[in-house]
Amino acid sequence: MAQTHPAPQFSNGKPKVVVTRHLMPSVEARMSELYEAVLNPDDTPMTREELRAAMADCDVLVPTVTDRIDAEMIAGAGDRLRLIASFGAGTEHIDLAAAAARDIMVTNTPGVFTDDTADLAMAGIIGVPRRIREGIALVRRGEWTGWAPSGLLGRKLSGKVLGIVGMGRIGQAVAHRARAFGLSVAYYSRKPLPQAAETMLGVKFVGDLDTLMAQADILSLHCPLTPETRGMIDKRRIALMQPGSCIINTARGELIDQEALIAALYTGQLAGVGLDVYPEEPNVDRRLIDHPNVMTLPHIGSATAEGREDSGHKVIANIRMWVDGHRPTDQVLTALVRG
């Protein structure tokens, strides 16, 4: 593989790598073998000032999706910081343009959590229409009085329309799973899949988000957060959905206008919602917690031991390639971020 930059030189022969959160033990052990690694064993999130201090005195920063690395922080980074090797697929927490202006390379770990996140999305797609949260709460309160012909009636999945917003890796994985439950899958994305892929997945492209929302019994979000997608599921669009529809979000909380979502839940426009992400994590609006048919999960879409370990080793591979003067496989190209 051809070098894309001169192999960096380090004062003690190893790059100083600051890791902002506690990672899997095997990942931290390997990082400590290869690099001058500064770890975070108690997993306390770093403050903005702590991040700034770390960026002023390291060669590589390994943040996670909850670490906001903005233009001001990048501008104040030390000259030795040349790589931000992010743990996770998302990149909206990093100002990529500012990093590019400082000639700081950014990498991520795409593809690792595809199946894990798709599995969790399916839990919502199944669980919200079937009112799983309500059933669990009923039993735990000791209020279940036994089987009844009209007790806790939900909606069957077979024959319903699942609308998927964003047909990347995760969206396709969800579509693949949904077919086994008899769901008809329609999707909206910036551009349609190749015809062969649509045929294989059994999905139909809808070129307008408003049209998709009007058709969907269940809407599942799998698109990145960008200026264009922020707040795109708003009051007007939610009103287009059929009464009794459901929304599942395992992507980013900011995709949805939360006030509009809550209003639609309490008027009955939406029968229920499944959420793994929120606009101001870890804060969850009390009205969502109190609603009987909102599945409120603590951002665990990628939370499998296997996935977290694989992601950590991807970070290590990206750093090793950079140290050797090669272009890392997972380099994020600023011009392609919205692609």
Protein backbone atom coordinates (compact mmCIF):
# COMPACT_ATOMS: atom_id res chain seq x y z
CA MET A 1 0.00 0.00 0.00
CA ALA A 2 1.40 3.38 -0.99
CA GLN A 3 2.15 5.91 1.71
CA THR A 4 -0.14 8.93 1.75
CA HIS A 5 1.92 10.96 4.23
CA PRO A 6 5.39 10.75 5.74
CA ALA A 7 5.48 8.32 8.63
CA PRO A 8 5.25 10.50 11.75
CA GLN A 9 8.13 10.65 14.20
CA PHE A 10 7.66 10.47 17.97
CA SER A 11 10.03 11.57 20.71
CA ASN A 12 10.03 8.21 22.48
CA GLY A 13 9.30 6.07 19.44
CA LYS A 14 5.59 5.70 20.20
CA PRO A 15 2.67 8.07 19.65
CA LYS A 16 0.91 9.42 22.72
CA VAL A 17 -2.71 8.27 22.46
CA VAL A 18 -5.39 9.69 24.76
CA VAL A 19 -8.53 7.55 25.06
CA THR A 20 -11.49 9.51 26.42
CA ARG A 21 -13.60 6.61 27.76
CA HIS A 22 -13.05 3.13 29.21
CA LEU A 23 -12.90 0.56 26.38
CA MET A 24 -12.92 -3.24 26.40
CA PRO A 25 -10.00 -4.68 28.43
CA SER A 26 -8.43 -6.46 25.44
CA VAL A 27 -8.50 -3.19 23.47
CA GLU A 28 -6.89 -1.16 26.25
CA ALA A 29 -4.25 -3.83 26.81
CA ARG A 30 -3.31 -3.83 23.13
CA MET A 31 -3.20 -0.02 23.01
CA SER A 32 -0.88 0.00 26.01
CA GLU A 33 1.43 -2.47 24.26
CA LEU A 34 1.63 -0.47 21.05
CA TYR A 35 1.42 3.16 22.16
CA GLU A 36 2.00 5.55 25.01
CA ALA A 37 -1.64 5.19 25.96
CA VAL A 38 -3.45 7.42 28.45
CA LEU A 39 -6.58 5.51 29.45
CA ASN A 40 -9.75 6.38 31.38
CA PRO A 41 -10.26 3.38 33.68
CA ASP A 42 -13.14 4.87 35.73
CA ASP A 43 -15.01 5.89 32.54
CA THR A 44 -15.83 9.38 33.78
CA PRO A 45 -16.67 11.51 30.71
CA MET A 46 -14.03 14.15 30.09
CA THR A 47 -15.05 17.76 30.48
CA ARG A 48 -14.50 20.25 27.69
CA GLU A 49 -11.44 21.61 29.49
CA GLU A 50 -10.03 18.13 29.99
CA LEU A 51 -10.51 17.40 26.30
CA ARG A 52 -8.79 20.65 25.38
CA ALA A 53 -5.85 19.79 27.63
CA ALA A 54 -5.59 16.32 26.11
CA MET A 55 -5.68 17.70 22.56
CA ALA A 56 -2.86 20.10 23.43
CA ASP A 57 -0.55 17.28 24.44
CA CYS A 58 -1.13 14.13 22.39
CA ASP A 59 -0.48 12.73 18.92
CA VAL A 60 -3.76 10.82 18.68
CA LEU A 61 -7.11 11.45 20.34
CA VAL A 62 -9.57 8.55 20.61
CA PRO A 63 -12.97 10.13 21.40
CA THR A 64 -16.41 8.55 21.34
CA VAL A 65 -19.66 9.84 19.84
CA THR A 66 -20.51 11.70 23.07
CA ASP A 67 -17.33 13.83 22.97
CA ARG A 68 -18.03 17.11 21.17
CA ILE A 69 -14.92 18.19 19.27
CA ASP A 70 -15.79 21.55 17.79
CA ALA A 71 -13.86 24.05 15.67
CA GLU A 72 -12.66 26.09 18.64
CA MET A 73 -11.20 23.01 20.32
CA ILE A 74 -9.51 21.89 17.11
CA ALA A 75 -8.07 25.36 16.55
CA GLY A 76 -6.56 25.23 20.03
CA ALA A 77 -5.12 21.75 19.67
CA GLY A 78 -1.39 21.27 19.92
CA ASP A 79 0.74 20.94 16.82
CA ARG A 80 1.46 17.29 17.61
CA LEU A 81 -2.21 16.24 17.30
CA ARG A 82 -2.45 14.75 13.84
CA LEU A 83 -5.11 12.03 14.17
CA ILE A 84 -8.56 11.84 15.75
CA ALA A 85 -9.38 8.10 15.72
CA SER A 86 -13.01 8.10 16.80
CA PHE A 87 -14.63 5.07 18.41
CA GLY A 88 -17.98 4.59 16.63
CA ALA A 89 -19.49 5.15 13.22
CA GLY A 90 -20.97 8.62 13.71
CA THR A 91 -18.89 11.70 12.92
CA GLU A 92 -21.27 14.58 13.64
CA HIS A 93 -19.59 15.15 17.02
CA ILE A 94 -16.40 16.25 15.24
CA ASP A 95 -16.03 19.42 13.15
CA LEU A 96 -14.54 17.69 10.12
CA ALA A 97 -13.93 20.87 8.16
CA ALA A 98 -11.97 22.39 11.04
CA ALA A 99 -9.93 19.19 11.36
CA ALA A 100 -9.17 19.21 7.65
CA ALA A 101 -8.09 22.86 7.85
CA ARG A 102 -5.56 21.89 10.51
CA ASP A 103 -4.45 18.83 8.52
CA ILE A 104 -5.72 16.55 11.29
CA MET A 105 -6.89 13.21 9.96
CA VAL A 106 -10.17 11.76 11.25
CA THR A 107 -11.12 8.07 11.25
CA ASN A 108 -14.17 6.20 12.51
CA THR A 109 -15.32 2.57 12.83
CA PRO A 110 -18.16 2.02 10.34
CA GLY A 111 -19.95 -1.26 9.80
CA VAL A 112 -19.10 -2.81 13.16
CA PHE A 113 -22.45 -2.20 14.83
CA THR A 114 -24.75 -2.81 11.86
CA ASP A 115 -26.32 -6.06 13.06
CA ASP A 116 -26.40 -5.01 16.71
CA THR A 117 -28.28 -1.80 15.95
CA ALA A 118 -30.61 -3.51 13.48
CA ASP A 119 -31.47 -6.12 16.10
CA LEU A 120 -32.37 -3.41 18.62
CA ALA A 121 -34.45 -1.55 16.04
CA MET A 122 -36.39 -4.75 15.44
CA ALA A 123 -37.02 -5.00 19.18
CA GLY A 124 -38.82 -1.67 18.92
CA ILE A 125 -40.56 -2.54 15.66
CA ILE A 126 -41.98 -5.65 17.32
CA GLY A 127 -42.34 -4.39 20.87
CA VAL A 128 -44.11 -1.06 20.39
CA PRO A 129 -47.05 -2.29 18.27
CA ARG A 130 -47.44 -5.27 20.64
CA ARG A 131 -47.32 -2.98 23.72
CA ILE A 132 -44.53 -4.97 25.34
CA ARG A 133 -43.55 -2.22 27.78
CA GLU A 134 -47.13 -1.94 29.04
CA GLY A 135 -47.36 -5.68 29.53
CA ILE A 136 -44.12 -5.86 31.51
CA ALA A 137 -45.21 -2.94 33.70
CA LEU A 138 -48.62 -4.53 34.33
CA VAL A 139 -47.08 -7.78 35.56
CA ARG A 140 -44.46 -6.05 37.69
CA ARG A 141 -47.07 -3.88 39.39
CA GLY A 142 -48.97 -7.02 40.33
CA GLU A 143 -52.06 -5.77 38.49
CA TRP A 144 -52.40 -8.50 35.86
CA THR A 145 -55.65 -10.33 36.46
CA GLY A 146 -55.17 -13.05 33.87
CA TRP A 147 -55.82 -13.63 30.21
CA ALA A 148 -58.77 -11.83 28.66
CA PRO A 149 -60.06 -11.78 25.05
CA SER A 150 -59.71 -8.00 24.90
CA GLY A 151 -56.73 -7.57 27.21
CA LEU A 152 -53.80 -5.37 26.13
CA LEU A 153 -54.60 -5.58 22.42
CA GLY A 154 -51.81 -4.49 20.13
CA ARG A 155 -51.35 -4.56 16.37
CA LYS A 156 -50.08 -7.47 14.29
CA LEU A 157 -47.00 -6.90 12.14
CA SER A 158 -47.80 -9.04 9.14
CA GLY A 159 -49.17 -6.97 6.30
CA LYS A 160 -48.20 -3.64 7.81
CA VAL A 161 -45.92 -1.11 6.09
CA LEU A 162 -42.52 -0.46 7.64
CA GLY A 163 -41.10 2.83 6.42
CA ILE A 164 -37.32 3.08 6.68
CA VAL A 165 -35.63 6.48 6.52
CA GLY A 166 -32.04 5.99 5.40
CA MET A 167 -31.10 2.82 3.53
CA GLY A 168 -27.44 2.45 4.45
CA ARG A 169 -25.96 -0.60 6.14
CA ILE A 170 -28.29 -0.53 9.14
CA GLY A 171 -31.40 0.32 7.14
CA GLN A 172 -30.74 -2.62 4.84
CA ALA A 173 -30.13 -4.93 7.79
CA VAL A 174 -33.47 -3.89 9.30
CA ALA A 175 -35.24 -4.45 5.97
CA HIS A 176 -33.73 -7.93 5.76
CA ARG A 177 -35.02 -8.80 9.23
CA ALA A 178 -38.44 -7.21 8.67
CA ARG A 179 -39.30 -9.56 5.81
CA ALA A 180 -39.32 -12.49 8.23
CA PHE A 181 -42.18 -10.80 10.12
CA GLY A 182 -44.33 -10.27 7.04
CA LEU A 183 -43.79 -6.53 6.92
CA SER A 184 -43.97 -4.67 3.62
CA VAL A 185 -40.92 -2.39 3.48
CA ALA A 186 -40.79 1.01 1.78
CA TYR A 187 -37.87 3.37 2.18
CA TYR A 188 -36.75 6.93 1.64
CA SER A 189 -33.11 7.81 1.03
CA ARG A 190 -31.12 10.41 -0.87
CA LYS A 191 -30.91 8.00 -3.76
CA PRO A 192 -32.43 4.59 -4.44
CA LEU A 193 -30.58 1.32 -4.10
CA PRO A 194 -29.62 -0.54 -7.24
CA GLN A 195 -32.54 -2.53 -8.60
CA ALA A 196 -30.84 -5.82 -7.77
CA ALA A 197 -30.49 -4.80 -4.11
CA GLU A 198 -34.13 -3.71 -3.94
CA THR A 199 -35.21 -7.04 -5.37
CA MET A 200 -33.02 -9.00 -2.98
CA LEU A 201 -34.33 -7.08 0.05
CA GLY A 202 -37.90 -6.90 -1.20
CA VAL A 203 -38.14 -3.13 -0.66
CA LYS A 204 -39.74 -0.24 -2.54
CA PHE A 205 -38.17 3.19 -2.93
CA VAL A 206 -40.32 6.22 -2.14
CA GLY A 207 -38.80 9.43 -3.43
CA ASP A 208 -40.52 11.77 -0.99
CA LEU A 209 -40.36 11.61 2.82
CA ASP A 210 -43.86 13.04 3.22
CA THR A 211 -45.27 10.25 1.06
CA LEU A 212 -43.41 7.60 3.02
CA MET A 213 -44.70 8.91 6.34
CA ALA A 214 -48.27 8.89 5.07
CA GLN A 215 -47.88 5.24 4.03
CA ALA A 216 -46.01 3.86 7.03
CA ASP A 217 -47.64 2.04 9.93
CA ILE A 218 -44.22 1.93 11.58
CA LEU A 219 -41.44 4.41 10.80
CA SER A 220 -37.82 3.49 11.63
CA LEU A 221 -35.01 6.05 11.41
CA HIS A 222 -31.54 5.05 10.18
CA CYS A 223 -30.04 8.20 8.69
CA PRO A 224 -27.11 10.36 9.87
CA LEU A 225 -27.57 13.65 11.65
CA THR A 226 -26.79 16.52 9.27
CA PRO A 227 -28.05 20.11 8.98
CA GLU A 228 -30.62 18.78 6.51
CA THR A 229 -31.89 15.93 8.68
CA ARG A 230 -31.93 17.72 12.05
CA GLY A 231 -35.56 18.00 13.16
CA MET A 232 -36.87 16.55 9.90
CA ILE A 233 -39.53 14.48 11.72
CA ASP A 234 -41.50 17.53 12.79
CA LYS A 235 -45.09 18.39 13.69
CA ARG A 236 -46.22 18.68 10.08
CA ARG A 237 -44.73 15.35 9.05
CA ILE A 238 -45.92 13.47 12.12
CA ALA A 239 -49.44 14.70 11.32
CA LEU A 240 -49.17 12.96 7.95
CA MET A 241 -48.93 9.56 9.62
CA GLN A 242 -51.99 7.38 10.07
CA PRO A 243 -53.55 7.53 13.54
CA GLY A 244 -52.13 4.73 15.66
CA SER A 245 -48.78 4.60 13.86
CA CYS A 246 -45.44 4.09 15.61
CA ILE A 247 -41.98 5.64 15.32
CA ILE A 248 -38.73 3.87 16.18
CA ASN A 249 -35.48 5.83 16.50
CA THR A 250 -32.10 4.14 17.00
CA ALA A 251 -30.17 6.75 14.99
CA ARG A 252 -29.89 10.21 16.56
CA GLY A 253 -32.32 11.96 18.89
CA GLU A 254 -32.03 15.28 17.08
CA LEU A 255 -33.69 13.84 13.97
CA ILE A 256 -37.07 14.28 15.69
CA ASP A 257 -38.79 17.41 17.01
CA GLN A 258 -39.28 16.05 20.52
CA GLU A 259 -42.12 18.40 21.47
CA ALA A 260 -44.06 17.40 18.37
CA LEU A 261 -43.41 13.73 19.13
CA ILE A 262 -44.68 14.02 22.70
CA ALA A 263 -47.76 15.94 21.61
CA ALA A 264 -48.61 13.26 19.03
CA LEU A 265 -48.26 10.55 21.68
CA TYR A 266 -50.60 12.21 24.13
CA THR A 267 -53.25 13.05 21.51
CA GLY A 268 -53.17 9.45 20.27
CA GLN A 269 -51.90 10.35 16.79
CA LEU A 270 -49.05 7.96 17.58
CA ALA A 271 -49.81 4.70 19.36
CA GLY A 272 -46.30 4.37 20.69
CA VAL A 273 -42.63 5.12 20.18
CA GLY A 274 -39.40 3.19 20.62
CA LEU A 275 -36.39 5.38 21.46
CA ASP A 276 -32.76 4.50 22.02
CA VAL A 277 -31.50 8.06 21.46
CA TYR A 278 -32.48 11.52 22.72
CA PRO A 279 -31.69 15.15 21.89
CA GLU A 280 -29.98 15.91 25.23
CA GLU A 281 -28.53 12.64 26.44
CA PRO A 282 -28.48 11.40 29.13
CA ASN A 283 -31.54 13.53 29.94
CA VAL A 284 -34.84 11.91 28.98
CA ASP A 285 -38.02 13.98 29.02
CA ARG A 286 -40.24 12.81 31.89
CA ARG A 287 -43.29 12.79 29.58
CA LEU A 288 -41.65 10.07 27.49
CA ILE A 289 -40.85 8.01 30.57
CA ASP A 290 -44.39 8.38 31.90
CA HIS A 291 -46.19 7.43 28.69
CA PRO A 292 -47.27 3.78 28.92
CA ASN A 293 -46.22 2.83 25.39
CA VAL A 294 -42.84 4.47 24.94
CA MET A 295 -39.88 2.11 25.04
CA THR A 296 -37.11 4.25 26.55
CA LEU A 297 -33.72 2.58 26.13
CA PRO A 298 -30.35 4.03 27.24
CA HIS A 299 -28.54 4.28 23.86
CA ILE A 300 -27.67 0.57 23.73
CA GLY A 301 -28.00 -0.02 19.98
CA SER A 302 -24.30 -0.87 19.74
CA ALA A 303 -23.98 -2.32 23.24
CA THR A 304 -22.72 -5.84 22.63
CA ALA A 305 -19.41 -7.09 23.95
CA GLU A 306 -18.48 -8.37 20.50
CA GLY A 307 -19.27 -5.11 18.74
CA ARG A 308 -17.48 -2.90 21.24
CA GLU A 309 -14.40 -5.10 21.07
CA ASP A 310 -14.38 -5.10 17.27
CA SER A 311 -14.78 -1.32 17.20
CA GLY A 312 -11.84 -0.88 19.56
CA HIS A 313 -9.60 -3.06 17.45
CA LYS A 314 -10.67 -1.09 14.37
CA VAL A 315 -9.46 2.06 16.14
CA ILE A 316 -6.11 0.36 16.80
CA ALA A 317 -5.83 -0.72 13.15
CA ASN A 318 -6.53 2.83 11.97
CA ILE A 319 -3.84 4.24 14.26
CA ARG A 320 -1.31 1.60 13.18
CA MET A 321 -1.87 2.36 9.51
CA TRP A 322 -1.45 6.08 10.17
CA VAL A 323 1.74 5.50 12.18
CA ASP A 324 3.14 3.51 9.26
CA GLY A 325 2.42 6.38 6.85
CA HIS A 326 -0.50 4.67 5.15
CA ARG A 327 -4.01 5.98 4.66
CA PRO A 328 -6.24 4.29 7.27
CA THR A 329 -9.03 2.18 5.84
CA ASP A 330 -11.62 4.18 7.76
CA GLN A 331 -10.41 7.71 7.07
CA VAL A 332 -13.36 10.10 6.97
CA LEU A 333 -13.20 12.23 3.87
CA THR A 334 -14.76 15.63 4.53
CA ALA A 335 -16.14 16.00 1.02
CA LEU A 336 -17.98 12.69 1.31
CA VAL A 337 -19.50 13.09 4.76
CA ARG A 338 -22.98 13.69 3.42
CA GLY A 339 -22.69 10.94 0.85
